[in-house]
Protein backbone atom coordinates (compact mmCIF):
# COMPACT_ATOMS: atom_id res chain seq x y z
CA UNK A 1 28.64 12.47 7.74
CA UNK A 2 27.96 15.59 5.70
CA UNK A 3 28.30 12.76 2.37
CA UNK A 4 24.97 10.95 3.89
CA UNK A 5 23.36 14.13 4.14
CA UNK A 6 24.92 15.27 0.44
CA UNK A 7 23.32 11.70 -1.09
CA UNK A 8 19.34 11.89 0.79
CA UNK A 9 18.98 15.42 -1.24
CA UNK A 10 19.86 13.90 -4.09
CA UNK A 11 17.12 11.03 -3.93
CA UNK A 12 13.86 10.26 -4.60
CA UNK A 13 10.95 11.80 -1.64
CA UNK A 14 10.42 7.40 -1.99
CA UNK A 15 14.13 6.39 -1.57
CA UNK A 16 14.78 8.90 1.22
CA UNK A 17 11.34 7.43 3.29
CA UNK A 18 13.24 3.46 2.63
CA UNK A 19 16.48 4.63 3.45
CA UNK A 20 15.11 6.15 6.61
CA UNK A 21 12.60 3.23 7.69
CA UNK A 22 15.85 0.91 6.99
CA UNK A 23 17.62 3.27 8.92
CA UNK A 24 14.97 3.38 11.91
CA UNK A 25 13.84 -0.04 12.06
CA UNK A 26 17.63 -0.94 12.33
CA UNK A 27 18.21 1.68 15.63
CA UNK A 28 15.17 0.08 16.75
CA UNK A 29 16.52 -3.81 16.66
CA UNK A 30 19.97 -2.60 18.26
CA UNK A 31 18.16 -1.22 20.89
CA UNK A 32 16.72 -4.61 21.85
CA UNK A 33 13.18 -3.51 19.90
CA UNK A 34 13.81 -6.96 17.67
CA UNK A 35 10.93 -8.47 18.68
CA UNK A 36 8.34 -5.86 18.01
CA UNK A 37 9.43 -4.24 15.43
CA UNK A 38 8.94 -7.77 14.48
CA UNK A 39 5.82 -8.08 15.03
CA UNK A 40 4.42 -4.19 13.82
CA UNK A 41 6.01 -5.44 10.55
CA UNK A 42 3.51 -8.64 10.69
CA UNK A 43 0.58 -6.47 12.22
CA UNK A 44 0.90 -3.74 9.03
CA UNK A 45 1.34 -6.53 6.94
CA UNK A 46 -1.88 -7.93 7.27
CA UNK A 47 -3.67 -4.82 7.62
CA UNK A 48 -2.28 -4.18 3.87
CA UNK A 49 -3.34 -7.75 3.45
CA UNK A 50 -6.97 -6.58 5.23
CA UNK A 51 -7.17 -3.86 2.59
CA UNK A 52 -5.91 -5.38 -0.40
CA UNK A 53 -8.87 -7.91 0.07
CA UNK A 54 -11.57 -4.51 0.45
CA UNK A 55 -10.00 -3.60 -2.79
CA UNK A 56 -10.48 -6.49 -4.16
CA UNK A 57 -14.18 -6.92 -2.80
CA UNK A 58 -15.48 -3.69 -4.32
CA UNK A 59 -13.77 -4.09 -7.70
CA UNK A 60 -16.50 -7.41 -7.38
CA UNK A 61 -18.84 -5.37 -6.59
CA UNK A 62 -17.95 -2.58 -9.11
CA UNK A 63 -17.71 -5.09 -12.46
CA UNK A 64 -21.20 -6.79 -10.93
CA UNK A 65 -22.72 -3.19 -11.69
CA UNK A 66 -20.89 -2.48 -14.64
CA UNK A 67 -22.53 -5.58 -16.03
CA UNK A 68 -25.56 -5.16 -14.59
CA UNK A 69 -25.70 -0.87 -16.42
CA UNK A 70 -24.03 -1.97 -19.51
CA UNK A 71 -27.11 -4.76 -20.09
CA UNK A 72 -29.38 -2.07 -19.18
CA UNK A 73 -27.68 0.28 -21.63
CA UNK A 74 -28.33 -2.14 -24.06
CA UNK A 75 -31.90 -2.85 -23.61
CA UNK A 76 -32.58 1.01 -23.16
CA UNK A 77 -30.93 1.68 -27.36
CA UNK A 78 -33.05 -1.17 -28.71
CA UNK A 79 -36.28 0.29 -27.50
CA UNK A 80 -35.15 2.94 -28.27
């Protein structure tokens, strides 16, 4: 176990999280909660997908406004 602790200390924070999550999921599945783990993973995946869709929507709106602002700026520059 000491070797495992030393290995974990040498890992990056991201690697530590991934290792801990993998161990936690493995322990929950071994305890008979595999179905619940699967349901939570599906829920998280869907939440990430929805969040991504919102980010895409905001990016589209911002790009649309950027185009409008660029056109207005060009018109203002020509008017001067």
